[in-house]
Amino acid sequence: MNTRTISGRLRGAAALALLPLLTLTACGSGDTGGAAAVGAQASPVPTDDPVAAVRKVDSAAALLPADVRKAGKLKVGSSIGFPPGAYYPKGTDKAPAGQDIDLADAVAKVLGVELERQDASFETILPALGSGKYDFGTGNFGVTAERLKTIDFVTYINDGQGFAVKQGNTELKGKVTDLTQLCGLTIGTGAGTTFEATLTAQKGVCAKAGKKPYDVKVYSENAATLTALQQGRIDVIMSTINGLRYQAAQPASQTAFLGEFHRLDVGFAFKKGSPLTKAFQAAVDELIKDGTYTRILKKWGTSASAIDASRINPPEHT
């Protein structure tokens, strides 16, 4: 996250049907490499459309720079590949869906602009903001102290880091509250994510506790992470709270969510000093005020991640 990272997509119609269950490393992660979990099934896509009724709010739109108002467009780099954040429920030749897609589209409507969305691997989006390739990025980007050095954030949910295991796992039976509980185990996570950073930074905790260190395996595709868990090549997955909770609710995934480990604010990402942040903050607050925000989160089952108001560059949760 929370947060994560990744390029590549499921190839072929049969593999694409599995995507909603197989892609989960949000904070972040991108998409899949074709490894499929046996017996997985795609879950139905919610049909509610809270974004349809959203209208331009002049007071929020007025906060955009004049050149953006004149152009009427913004370029967004989107990491797409994990429900409920953003994924391709009907194949990569069709429109993406998910919480992040709805929120970005709703913000754009409030601001009176169109989005030019480009699917990008998670780990490439933040560096590309500084070059101007994108005006902003989405991908369940968690707000961390390290990222705040080079990135501006406008928050829209509160998500974070969590763990999941294969159903029937006997090594981890309860909530993970300390990384020493993972000593001696193999953890799978996504490249370029807050999860990878956390596990790397804390790698010495097991030695200090006199225990065998944990091993970290980093995957560039989310499907590969889940497949590795199902095949016993890793013992536990570290990913986003919402992604892991969503996955565990799908019976075919055969995973068990172990609860929250560390909460993180999640936001739209911008280059440092971006003139867009105040307009985006105002737009998110408008959506919260008119009820659209609540409907979007309810649609995607993420109401527990709701925030009361958007913030620009809040400090990382401790």
C-alpha atoms as a PDB file:
ATOM      1  CA  MET A   1       0.000   0.000   0.000  1.00  0.00           C
ATOM      2  CA  ASN A   2      -0.795   0.364   0.471  1.00  0.00           C
ATOM      3  CA  THR A   3       1.561   1.273  -1.289  1.00  0.00           C
ATOM      4  CA  ARG A   4       2.538  -1.183  -5.070  1.00  0.00           C
ATOM      5  CA  THR A   5       4.338  -2.301  -8.995  1.00  0.00           C
ATOM      6  CA  ILE A   6       3.759  -4.288 -11.818  1.00  0.00           C
ATOM      7  CA  SER A   7       3.509  -4.871 -15.516  1.00  0.00           C
ATOM      8  CA  GLY A   8       2.154  -7.512 -17.797  1.00  0.00           C
ATOM      9  CA  ARG A   9      -1.368  -8.773 -18.319  1.00  0.00           C
ATOM     10  CA  LEU A  10      -3.219 -12.052 -18.460  1.00  0.00           C
ATOM     11  CA  ARG A  11      -3.243 -13.244 -22.022  1.00  0.00           C
ATOM     12  CA  GLY A  12      -6.171 -15.006 -23.555  1.00  0.00           C
ATOM     13  CA  ALA A  13      -9.855 -15.020 -22.788  1.00  0.00           C
ATOM     14  CA  ALA A  14      -9.705 -17.889 -20.317  1.00  0.00           C
ATOM     15  CA  ALA A  15      -6.971 -16.221 -18.290  1.00  0.00           C
ATOM     16  CA  LEU A  16      -8.756 -12.876 -18.324  1.00  0.00           C
ATOM     17  CA  ALA A  17     -11.806 -14.487 -16.789  1.00  0.00           C
ATOM     18  CA  LEU A  18      -9.645 -15.332 -13.781  1.00  0.00           C
ATOM     19  CA  LEU A  19      -8.232 -11.835 -13.339  1.00  0.00           C
ATOM     20  CA  PRO A  20     -10.581 -10.496 -10.635  1.00  0.00           C
ATOM     21  CA  LEU A  21      -9.535 -13.234  -8.225  1.00  0.00           C
ATOM     22  CA  LEU A  22      -5.899 -13.512  -9.132  1.00  0.00           C
ATOM     23  CA  THR A  23      -4.771  -9.896  -8.972  1.00  0.00           C
ATOM     24  CA  LEU A  24      -4.632  -8.474  -5.534  1.00  0.00           C
ATOM     25  CA  THR A  25      -1.402  -6.786  -4.587  1.00  0.00           C
ATOM     26  CA  ALA A  26      -2.640  -3.262  -4.646  1.00  0.00           C
ATOM     27  CA  CYS A  27      -0.460  -0.843  -2.745  1.00  0.00           C
ATOM     28  CA  GLY A  28       0.630  -1.535  -5.102  1.00  0.00           C
ATOM     29  CA  SER A  29       0.652  -3.794  -7.916  1.00  0.00           C
ATOM     30  CA  GLY A  30      -0.411  -4.109 -11.372  1.00  0.00           C
ATOM     31  CA  ASP A  31      -1.275  -7.192 -13.193  1.00  0.00           C
ATOM     32  CA  THR A  32      -0.739 -10.720 -14.000  1.00  0.00           C
ATOM     33  CA  GLY A  33       1.450 -13.023 -15.906  1.00  0.00           C
ATOM     34  CA  GLY A  34      -0.825 -15.809 -16.942  1.00  0.00           C
ATOM     35  CA  ALA A  35      -0.391 -18.101 -13.944  1.00  0.00           C
ATOM     36  CA  ALA A  36      -3.868 -19.155 -12.945  1.00  0.00           C
ATOM     37  CA  ALA A  37      -5.214 -20.616  -9.765  1.00  0.00           C
ATOM     38  CA  VAL A  38      -7.090 -23.841 -10.277  1.00  0.00           C
ATOM     39  CA  GLY A  39     -10.832 -23.473  -9.856  1.00  0.00           C
ATOM     40  CA  ALA A  40     -10.874 -19.677  -9.662  1.00  0.00           C
ATOM     41  CA  GLN A  41     -13.939 -17.874 -10.954  1.00  0.00           C
ATOM     42  CA  ALA A  42     -14.602 -14.249 -11.776  1.00  0.00           C
ATOM     43  CA  SER A  43     -16.979 -12.470  -9.414  1.00  0.00           C
ATOM     44  CA  PRO A  44     -19.849 -10.382 -10.803  1.00  0.00           C
ATOM     45  CA  VAL A  45     -19.170  -6.709 -11.484  1.00  0.00           C
ATOM     46  CA  PRO A  46     -21.371  -4.301  -9.483  1.00  0.00           C
ATOM     47  CA  THR A  47     -23.893  -2.581 -11.743  1.00  0.00           C
ATOM     48  CA  ASP A  48     -24.538   0.568  -9.699  1.00  0.00           C
ATOM     49  CA  ASP A  49     -23.198   3.706 -11.427  1.00  0.00           C
ATOM     50  CA  PRO A  50     -22.758   6.485  -8.857  1.00  0.00           C
ATOM     51  CA  VAL A  51     -20.585   8.482 -11.259  1.00  0.00           C
ATOM     52  CA  ALA A  52     -23.350   8.994 -13.834  1.00  0.00           C
ATOM     53  CA  ALA A  53     -25.088  11.742 -11.859  1.00  0.00           C
ATOM     54  CA  VAL A  54     -21.939  13.723 -10.989  1.00  0.00           C
ATOM     55  CA  ARG A  55     -21.864  17.259 -12.381  1.00  0.00           C
ATOM     56  CA  LYS A  56     -19.240  19.971 -12.654  1.00  0.00           C
ATOM     57  CA  VAL A  57     -18.780  22.142  -9.566  1.00  0.00           C
ATOM     58  CA  ASP A  58     -17.560  25.562 -10.659  1.00  0.00           C
ATOM     59  CA  SER A  59     -15.918  26.451  -7.337  1.00  0.00           C
ATOM     60  CA  ALA A  60     -13.733  23.328  -7.496  1.00  0.00           C
ATOM     61  CA  ALA A  61     -13.004  23.669 -11.219  1.00  0.00           C
ATOM     62  CA  ALA A  62     -11.876  27.265 -10.666  1.00  0.00           C
ATOM     63  CA  LEU A  63      -8.963  25.921  -8.603  1.00  0.00           C
ATOM     64  CA  LEU A  64      -7.433  24.272 -11.683  1.00  0.00           C
ATOM     65  CA  PRO A  65      -4.653  26.123 -13.492  1.00  0.00           C
ATOM     66  CA  ALA A  66      -5.921  28.184 -16.432  1.00  0.00           C
ATOM     67  CA  ASP A  67      -4.098  26.056 -18.995  1.00  0.00           C
ATOM     68  CA  VAL A  68      -5.737  22.880 -17.663  1.00  0.00           C
ATOM     69  CA  ARG A  69      -9.179  24.472 -17.755  1.00  0.00           C
ATOM     70  CA  LYS A  70      -8.557  25.536 -21.327  1.00  0.00           C
ATOM     71  CA  ALA A  71      -7.281  22.125 -22.445  1.00  0.00           C
ATOM     72  CA  GLY A  72     -10.049  20.307 -20.579  1.00  0.00           C
ATOM     73  CA  LYS A  73      -7.965  17.153 -20.207  1.00  0.00           C
ATOM     74  CA  LEU A  74      -5.683  15.479 -17.699  1.00  0.00           C
ATOM     75  CA  LYS A  75      -3.358  12.513 -18.246  1.00  0.00           C
ATOM     76  CA  VAL A  76      -3.569   9.813 -15.598  1.00  0.00           C
ATOM     77  CA  GLY A  77      -1.258   6.847 -15.190  1.00  0.00           C
ATOM     78  CA  SER A  78      -3.304   3.991 -13.748  1.00  0.00           C
ATOM     79  CA  SER A  79      -2.076   0.751 -12.260  1.00  0.00           C
ATOM     80  CA  ILE A  80      -4.893  -1.586 -13.251  1.00  0.00           C
ATOM     81  CA  GLY A  81      -5.146  -5.206 -12.253  1.00  0.00           C
ATOM     82  CA  PHE A  82      -6.497  -5.746  -8.743  1.00  0.00           C
ATOM     83  CA  PRO A  83     -10.061  -5.725  -7.464  1.00  0.00           C
ATOM     84  CA  PRO A  84     -11.643  -3.862  -5.842  1.00  0.00           C
ATOM     85  CA  GLY A  85      -9.307  -0.980  -6.759  1.00  0.00           C
ATOM     86  CA  ALA A  86      -8.969  -1.274 -10.539  1.00  0.00           C
ATOM     87  CA  TYR A  87      -9.095  -4.260 -12.860  1.00  0.00           C
ATOM     88  CA  TYR A  88     -10.348  -5.509 -16.211  1.00  0.00           C
ATOM     89  CA  PRO A  89     -13.480  -7.550 -15.538  1.00  0.00           C
ATOM     90  CA  LYS A  90     -14.223  -8.079 -19.242  1.00  0.00           C
ATOM     91  CA  GLY A  91     -10.748  -8.141 -20.718  1.00  0.00           C
ATOM     92  CA  THR A  92      -8.073  -5.580 -21.450  1.00  0.00           C
ATOM     93  CA  ASP A  93      -9.811  -4.488 -24.640  1.00  0.00           C
ATOM     94  CA  LYS A  94     -12.756  -3.277 -22.520  1.00  0.00           C
ATOM     95  CA  ALA A  95     -13.010  -0.466 -19.994  1.00  0.00           C
ATOM     96  CA  PRO A  96     -11.499  -1.035 -16.553  1.00  0.00           C
ATOM     97  CA  ALA A  97     -13.634  -0.980 -13.423  1.00  0.00           C
ATOM     98  CA  GLY A  98     -13.102  -0.552  -9.711  1.00  0.00           C
ATOM     99  CA  GLN A  99     -13.074   1.887  -6.834  1.00  0.00           C
ATOM    100  CA  ASP A 100     -10.086   3.898  -8.127  1.00  0.00           C
ATOM    101  CA  ILE A 101     -11.607   4.123 -11.599  1.00  0.00           C
ATOM    102  CA  ASP A 102     -14.928   5.434 -10.258  1.00  0.00           C
ATOM    103  CA  LEU A 103     -13.296   7.937  -7.910  1.00  0.00           C
ATOM    104  CA  ALA A 104     -10.960   9.324 -10.572  1.00  0.00           C
ATOM    105  CA  ASP A 105     -13.812   9.597 -13.081  1.00  0.00           C
ATOM    106  CA  ALA A 106     -16.036  11.310 -10.510  1.00  0.00           C
ATOM    107  CA  VAL A 107     -13.323  13.822  -9.614  1.00  0.00           C
ATOM    108  CA  ALA A 108     -12.812  14.582 -13.303  1.00  0.00           C
ATOM    109  CA  LYS A 109     -16.530  15.272 -13.732  1.00  0.00           C
ATOM    110  CA  VAL A 110     -16.555  17.622 -10.730  1.00  0.00           C
ATOM    111  CA  LEU A 111     -13.614  19.489 -12.268  1.00  0.00           C
ATOM    112  CA  GLY A 112     -15.115  19.521 -15.752  1.00  0.00           C
ATOM    113  CA  VAL A 113     -12.222  17.726 -17.447  1.00  0.00           C
ATOM    114  CA  GLU A 114     -11.751  14.515 -19.403  1.00  0.00           C
ATOM    115  CA  LEU A 115      -9.240  11.871 -18.401  1.00  0.00           C
ATOM    116  CA  GLU A 116      -6.734  10.340 -20.764  1.00  0.00           C
ATOM    117  CA  ARG A 117      -6.062   7.104 -18.909  1.00  0.00           C
ATOM    118  CA  GLN A 118      -2.950   5.069 -19.593  1.00  0.00           C
ATOM    119  CA  ASP A 119      -2.475   1.633 -18.074  1.00  0.00           C
ATOM    120  CA  ALA A 120       0.967   1.557 -16.471  1.00  0.00           C
ATOM    121  CA  SER A 121       2.871  -0.764 -14.178  1.00  0.00           C
ATOM    122  CA  PHE A 122       2.747   0.364 -10.574  1.00  0.00           C
ATOM    123  CA  GLU A 123       6.450   0.949 -10.075  1.00  0.00           C
ATOM    124  CA  THR A 124       6.751   3.210 -13.137  1.00  0.00           C
ATOM    125  CA  ILE A 125       4.027   5.715 -12.298  1.00  0.00           C
ATOM    126  CA  LEU A 126       5.577   7.750  -9.479  1.00  0.00           C
ATOM    127  CA  PRO A 127       8.902   8.332 -11.303  1.00  0.00           C
ATOM    128  CA  ALA A 128       6.989   9.337 -14.451  1.00  0.00           C
ATOM    129  CA  LEU A 129       5.088  12.092 -12.648  1.00  0.00           C
ATOM    130  CA  GLY A 130       8.190  14.236 -12.387  1.00  0.00           C
ATOM    131  CA  SER A 131       8.834  14.008 -16.118  1.00  0.00           C
ATOM    132  CA  GLY A 132       5.326  15.175 -16.950  1.00  0.00           C
ATOM    133  CA  LYS A 133       4.297  11.927 -18.619  1.00  0.00           C
ATOM    134  CA  TYR A 134       1.217  11.904 -16.385  1.00  0.00           C
ATOM    135  CA  ASP A 135      -0.554  14.732 -14.572  1.00  0.00           C
ATOM    136  CA  PHE A 136      -1.420  12.363 -11.741  1.00  0.00           C
ATOM    137  CA  GLY A 137      -1.372   8.691 -10.878  1.00  0.00           C
ATOM    138  CA  THR A 138      -3.698   6.131  -9.339  1.00  0.00           C
ATOM    139  CA  GLY A 139      -2.895   2.681  -8.021  1.00  0.00           C
ATOM    140  CA  ASN A 140      -3.724   2.532  -4.323  1.00  0.00           C
ATOM    141  CA  PHE A 141      -0.635   4.603  -3.564  1.00  0.00           C
ATOM    142  CA  GLY A 142      -0.100   4.691   0.183  1.00  0.00           C
ATOM    143  CA  VAL A 143       1.164   7.890   1.783  1.00  0.00           C
ATOM    144  CA  THR A 144       4.560   7.239   3.358  1.00  0.00           C
ATOM    145  CA  ALA A 145       7.230   9.545   4.727  1.00  0.00           C
ATOM    146  CA  GLU A 146       9.640   8.371   2.037  1.00  0.00           C
ATOM    147  CA  ARG A 147       7.229   9.036  -0.811  1.00  0.00           C
ATOM    148  CA  LEU A 148       6.320  12.460   0.564  1.00  0.00           C
ATOM    149  CA  LYS A 149       9.871  13.583  -0.173  1.00  0.00           C
ATOM    150  CA  THR A 150       9.183  13.538  -3.904  1.00  0.00           C
ATOM    151  CA  ILE A 151       5.419  13.112  -4.337  1.00  0.00           C
ATOM    152  CA  ASP A 152       2.338  15.142  -3.403  1.00  0.00           C
ATOM    153  CA  PHE A 153      -0.785  13.257  -2.360  1.00  0.00           C
ATOM    154  CA  VAL A 154      -4.484  14.081  -2.203  1.00  0.00           C
ATOM    155  CA  THR A 155      -6.126  11.424  -0.063  1.00  0.00           C
ATOM    156  CA  TYR A 156      -9.348   9.611  -0.899  1.00  0.00           C
ATOM    157  CA  ILE A 157      -9.400   6.458   1.274  1.00  0.00           C
ATOM    158  CA  ASN A 158      -7.657   4.894   4.231  1.00  0.00           C
ATOM    159  CA  ASP A 159      -6.357   1.412   3.442  1.00  0.00           C
ATOM    160  CA  GLY A 160      -3.077  -0.182   4.439  1.00  0.00           C
ATOM    161  CA  GLN A 161      -1.070  -3.354   4.865  1.00  0.00           C
ATOM    162  CA  GLY A 162      -2.320  -6.800   5.744  1.00  0.00           C
ATOM    163  CA  PHE A 163      -1.541 -10.503   5.438  1.00  0.00           C
ATOM    164  CA  ALA A 164      -3.284 -13.549   4.026  1.00  0.00           C
ATOM    165  CA  VAL A 165      -2.561 -17.274   4.042  1.00  0.00           C
ATOM    166  CA  LYS A 166      -3.914 -20.310   2.287  1.00  0.00           C
ATOM    167  CA  GLN A 167      -6.991 -21.727   3.956  1.00  0.00           C
ATOM    168  CA  GLY A 168      -6.002 -24.437   6.398  1.00  0.00           C
ATOM    169  CA  ASN A 169      -2.633 -22.846   7.188  1.00  0.00           C
ATOM    170  CA  THR A 170      -1.501 -23.942  10.650  1.00  0.00           C
ATOM    171  CA  GLU A 171       1.604 -21.764  11.047  1.00  0.00           C
ATOM    172  CA  LEU A 172      -0.231 -18.440  11.214  1.00  0.00           C
ATOM    173  CA  LYS A 173      -3.607 -18.764  12.876  1.00  0.00           C
ATOM    174  CA  GLY A 174      -4.291 -15.245  14.100  1.00  0.00           C
ATOM    175  CA  LYS A 175      -3.734 -11.592  13.303  1.00  0.00           C
ATOM    176  CA  VAL A 176      -0.159 -10.580  12.534  1.00  0.00           C
ATOM    177  CA  THR A 177       0.743  -7.723  14.864  1.00  0.00           C
ATOM    178  CA  ASP A 178       4.531  -8.118  14.825  1.00  0.00           C
ATOM    179  CA  LEU A 179       6.828  -9.204  12.022  1.00  0.00           C
ATOM    180  CA  THR A 180       8.577 -11.645  14.361  1.00  0.00           C
ATOM    181  CA  GLN A 181       5.485 -13.816  13.916  1.00  0.00           C
ATOM    182  CA  LEU A 182       6.723 -14.363  10.361  1.00  0.00           C
ATOM    183  CA  CYS A 183      10.208 -15.540  11.304  1.00  0.00           C
ATOM    184  CA  GLY A 184      11.163 -18.688   9.419  1.00  0.00           C
ATOM    185  CA  LEU A 185       8.389 -18.210   6.846  1.00  0.00           C
ATOM    186  CA  THR A 186       8.465 -17.177   3.191  1.00  0.00           C
ATOM    187  CA  ILE A 187       6.495 -14.044   2.365  1.00  0.00           C
ATOM    188  CA  GLY A 188       5.308 -13.123  -1.115  1.00  0.00           C
ATOM    189  CA  THR A 189       4.640  -9.518  -2.120  1.00  0.00           C
ATOM    190  CA  GLY A 190       4.777  -7.092  -5.036  1.00  0.00           C
ATOM    191  CA  ALA A 191       7.806  -5.235  -6.364  1.00  0.00           C
ATOM    192  CA  GLY A 192       8.073  -1.525  -5.619  1.00  0.00           C
ATOM    193  CA  THR A 193       5.369  -1.627  -2.958  1.00  0.00           C
ATOM    194  CA  THR A 194       5.234  -0.360   0.597  1.00  0.00           C
ATOM    195  CA  PHE A 195       5.055  -4.025   1.554  1.00  0.00           C
ATOM    196  CA  GLU A 196       8.408  -4.799   0.024  1.00  0.00           C
ATOM    197  CA  ALA A 197       9.882  -1.694   1.657  1.00  0.00           C
ATOM    198  CA  THR A 198       8.516  -2.629   5.091  1.00  0.00           C
ATOM    199  CA  LEU A 199       9.756  -6.219   4.903  1.00  0.00           C
ATOM    200  CA  THR A 200      13.179  -5.139   3.698  1.00  0.00           C
ATOM    201  CA  ALA A 201      13.584  -2.432   6.338  1.00  0.00           C
ATOM    202  CA  GLN A 202      12.619  -4.823   9.141  1.00  0.00           C
ATOM    203  CA  LYS A 203      14.600  -7.820   7.905  1.00  0.00           C
ATOM    204  CA  GLY A 204      16.748  -7.864  11.069  1.00  0.00           C
ATOM    205  CA  VAL A 205      13.904  -8.244  13.594  1.00  0.00           C
ATOM    206  CA  CYS A 206      14.102 -12.032  13.584  1.00  0.00           C
ATOM    207  CA  ALA A 207      17.833 -12.145  14.293  1.00  0.00           C
ATOM    208  CA  LYS A 208      17.337  -9.730  17.172  1.00  0.00           C
ATOM    209  CA  ALA A 209      14.665 -12.053  18.534  1.00  0.00           C
ATOM    210  CA  GLY A 210      16.972 -15.060  18.165  1.00  0.00           C
ATOM    211  CA  LYS A 211      14.823 -16.578  15.433  1.00  0.00           C
ATOM    212  CA  LYS A 212      15.356 -17.750  11.875  1.00  0.00           C
ATOM    213  CA  PRO A 213      14.879 -14.836   9.456  1.00  0.00           C
ATOM    214  CA  TYR A 214      11.913 -14.658   7.141  1.00  0.00           C
ATOM    215  CA  ASP A 215      12.457 -14.871   3.400  1.00  0.00           C
ATOM    216  CA  VAL A 216      10.863 -12.428   0.961  1.00  0.00           C
ATOM    217  CA  LYS A 217       9.912 -13.348  -2.590  1.00  0.00           C
ATOM    218  CA  VAL A 218       8.950 -10.444  -4.834  1.00  0.00           C
ATOM    219  CA  TYR A 219       6.626 -11.005  -7.783  1.00  0.00           C
ATOM    220  CA  SER A 220       6.023  -8.797 -10.781  1.00  0.00           C
ATOM    221  CA  GLU A 221       2.569 -10.261 -11.349  1.00  0.00           C
ATOM    222  CA  ASN A 222      -0.186 -10.569  -8.789  1.00  0.00           C
ATOM    223  CA  ALA A 223      -1.503 -13.819 -10.193  1.00  0.00           C
ATOM    224  CA  ALA A 224       1.922 -15.337  -9.694  1.00  0.00           C
ATOM    225  CA  THR A 225       1.860 -14.344  -6.023  1.00  0.00           C
ATOM    226  CA  LEU A 226      -1.446 -16.083  -5.408  1.00  0.00           C
ATOM    227  CA  THR A 227      -0.409 -19.144  -7.388  1.00  0.00           C
ATOM    228  CA  ALA A 228       2.801 -19.370  -5.352  1.00  0.00           C
ATOM    229  CA  LEU A 229       0.710 -19.367  -2.180  1.00  0.00           C
ATOM    230  CA  GLN A 230      -1.632 -22.049  -3.449  1.00  0.00           C
ATOM    231  CA  GLN A 231       1.282 -24.224  -4.555  1.00  0.00           C
ATOM    232  CA  GLY A 232       3.091 -23.857  -1.233  1.00  0.00           C
ATOM    233  CA  ARG A 233       6.095 -21.928  -2.555  1.00  0.00           C
ATOM    234  CA  ILE A 234       5.304 -19.093  -0.138  1.00  0.00           C
ATOM    235  CA  ASP A 235       3.589 -19.232   3.240  1.00  0.00           C
ATOM    236  CA  VAL A 236       1.923 -15.828   3.404  1.00  0.00           C
ATOM    237  CA  ILE A 237       1.064 -12.846   1.202  1.00  0.00           C
ATOM    238  CA  MET A 238       1.529  -9.235   2.277  1.00  0.00           C
ATOM    239  CA  SER A 239      -0.697  -6.841   0.367  1.00  0.00           C
ATOM    240  CA  THR A 240      -3.457  -4.276   0.790  1.00  0.00           C
ATOM    241  CA  ILE A 241      -6.161  -4.666   3.405  1.00  0.00           C
ATOM    242  CA  ASN A 242      -8.974  -4.117   0.912  1.00  0.00           C
ATOM    243  CA  GLY A 243      -7.445  -6.342  -1.751  1.00  0.00           C
ATOM    244  CA  LEU A 244      -6.818  -9.256   0.607  1.00  0.00           C
ATOM    245  CA  ARG A 245     -10.230  -8.913   2.241  1.00  0.00           C
ATOM    246  CA  TYR A 246     -11.891  -8.888  -1.180  1.00  0.00           C
ATOM    247  CA  GLN A 247      -9.898 -11.921  -2.281  1.00  0.00           C
ATOM    248  CA  ALA A 248     -10.727 -13.914   0.847  1.00  0.00           C
ATOM    249  CA  ALA A 249     -14.430 -13.264   0.239  1.00  0.00           C
ATOM    250  CA  GLN A 250     -14.169 -15.182  -3.062  1.00  0.00           C
ATOM    251  CA  PRO A 251     -14.455 -18.898  -2.148  1.00  0.00           C
ATOM    252  CA  ALA A 252     -12.416 -20.050  -5.152  1.00  0.00           C
ATOM    253  CA  SER A 253      -9.329 -18.147  -3.975  1.00  0.00           C
ATOM    254  CA  GLN A 254      -9.027 -20.420  -0.914  1.00  0.00           C
ATOM    255  CA  THR A 255      -7.299 -17.745   1.169  1.00  0.00           C
ATOM    256  CA  ALA A 256      -7.824 -16.462   4.689  1.00  0.00           C
ATOM    257  CA  PHE A 257      -7.346 -12.804   5.600  1.00  0.00           C
ATOM    258  CA  LEU A 258      -5.305 -12.320   8.780  1.00  0.00           C
ATOM    259  CA  GLY A 259      -6.383  -8.767   9.475  1.00  0.00           C
ATOM    260  CA  GLU A 260      -4.820  -5.332   9.385  1.00  0.00           C
ATOM    261  CA  PHE A 261      -1.149  -4.782  10.115  1.00  0.00           C
ATOM    262  CA  HIS A 262      -0.559  -1.094   9.383  1.00  0.00           C
ATOM    263  CA  ARG A 263      -3.016   1.545   8.179  1.00  0.00           C
ATOM    264  CA  LEU A 264      -2.031   4.017   5.458  1.00  0.00           C
ATOM    265  CA  ASP A 265      -3.808   6.911   3.826  1.00  0.00           C
ATOM    266  CA  VAL A 266      -4.162   6.381   0.087  1.00  0.00           C
ATOM    267  CA  GLY A 267      -4.264   9.176  -2.424  1.00  0.00           C
ATOM    268  CA  PHE A 268      -3.992  10.478  -5.933  1.00  0.00           C
ATOM    269  CA  ALA A 269      -0.295  11.010  -6.621  1.00  0.00           C
ATOM    270  CA  PHE A 270       1.253  14.126  -8.189  1.00  0.00           C
ATOM    271  CA  LYS A 271       4.718  15.500  -8.820  1.00  0.00           C
ATOM    272  CA  LYS A 272       6.022  17.590  -5.939  1.00  0.00           C
ATOM    273  CA  GLY A 273       4.631  21.105  -6.052  1.00  0.00           C
ATOM    274  CA  SER A 274       1.824  20.219  -8.454  1.00  0.00           C
ATOM    275  CA  PRO A 275      -0.746  23.012  -8.965  1.00  0.00           C
ATOM    276  CA  LEU A 276      -3.517  20.397  -9.195  1.00  0.00           C
ATOM    277  CA  THR A 277      -3.710  19.263  -5.575  1.00  0.00           C
ATOM    278  CA  LYS A 278      -6.106  21.918  -4.226  1.00  0.00           C
ATOM    279  CA  ALA A 279      -8.578  21.302  -7.033  1.00  0.00           C
ATOM    280  CA  PHE A 280      -8.484  17.546  -6.476  1.00  0.00           C
ATOM    281  CA  GLN A 281      -8.930  17.976  -2.727  1.00  0.00           C
ATOM    282  CA  ALA A 282     -11.950  20.209  -3.321  1.00  0.00           C
ATOM    283  CA  ALA A 283     -13.398  17.686  -5.776  1.00  0.00           C
ATOM    284  CA  VAL A 284     -13.051  14.762  -3.360  1.00  0.00           C
ATOM    285  CA  ASP A 285     -14.682  16.840  -0.622  1.00  0.00           C
ATOM    286  CA  GLU A 286     -17.572  17.677  -2.973  1.00  0.00           C
ATOM    287  CA  LEU A 287     -18.092  13.963  -3.624  1.00  0.00           C
ATOM    288  CA  ILE A 288     -18.064  13.273   0.103  1.00  0.00           C
ATOM    289  CA  LYS A 289     -20.579  16.073   0.705  1.00  0.00           C
ATOM    290  CA  ASP A 290     -23.059  15.035  -1.983  1.00  0.00           C
ATOM    291  CA  GLY A 291     -23.011  11.325  -1.113  1.00  0.00           C
ATOM    292  CA  THR A 292     -21.375  10.079  -4.307  1.00  0.00           C
ATOM    293  CA  TYR A 293     -18.279   9.044  -2.378  1.00  0.00           C
ATOM    294  CA  THR A 294     -20.304   6.881   0.013  1.00  0.00           C
ATOM    295  CA  ARG A 295     -22.071   5.189  -2.902  1.00  0.00           C
ATOM    296  CA  ILE A 296     -18.796   4.405  -4.675  1.00  0.00           C
ATOM    297  CA  LEU A 297     -17.236   2.804  -1.607  1.00  0.00           C
ATOM    298  CA  LYS A 298     -20.425   0.852  -0.888  1.00  0.00           C
ATOM    299  CA  LYS A 299     -20.450  -0.389  -4.487  1.00  0.00           C
ATOM    300  CA  TRP A 300     -16.951  -1.841  -4.110  1.00  0.00           C
ATOM    301  CA  GLY A 301     -17.283  -3.072  -0.525  1.00  0.00           C
ATOM    302  CA  THR A 302     -14.720  -0.639   0.873  1.00  0.00           C
ATOM    303  CA  SER A 303     -16.891   1.475   3.166  1.00  0.00           C
ATOM    304  CA  ALA A 304     -14.591   0.685   6.103  1.00  0.00           C
ATOM    305  CA  SER A 305     -11.893   2.725   4.324  1.00  0.00           C
ATOM    306  CA  ALA A 306     -13.969   5.911   4.115  1.00  0.00           C
ATOM    307  CA  ILE A 307     -12.468   9.229   5.166  1.00  0.00           C
ATOM    308  CA  ASP A 308     -14.334  12.308   6.433  1.00  0.00           C
ATOM    309  CA  ALA A 309     -12.365  14.806   4.348  1.00  0.00           C
ATOM    310  CA  SER A 310      -9.545  14.780   1.824  1.00  0.00           C
ATOM    311  CA  ARG A 311      -6.096  15.925   2.924  1.00  0.00           C
ATOM    312  CA  ILE A 312      -3.036  17.104   1.052  1.00  0.00           C
ATOM    313  CA  ASN A 313       0.194  15.401   2.149  1.00  0.00           C
ATOM    314  CA  PRO A 314      -0.842  14.094   5.580  1.00  0.00           C
ATOM    315  CA  PRO A 315       1.948  12.534   7.638  1.00  0.00           C
ATOM    316  CA  GLU A 316       2.345   8.779   7.453  1.00  0.00           C
ATOM    317  CA  HIS A 317       0.409   6.850  10.052  1.00  0.00           C
ATOM    318  CA  THR A 318       2.640   5.633  12.853  1.00  0.00           C
END
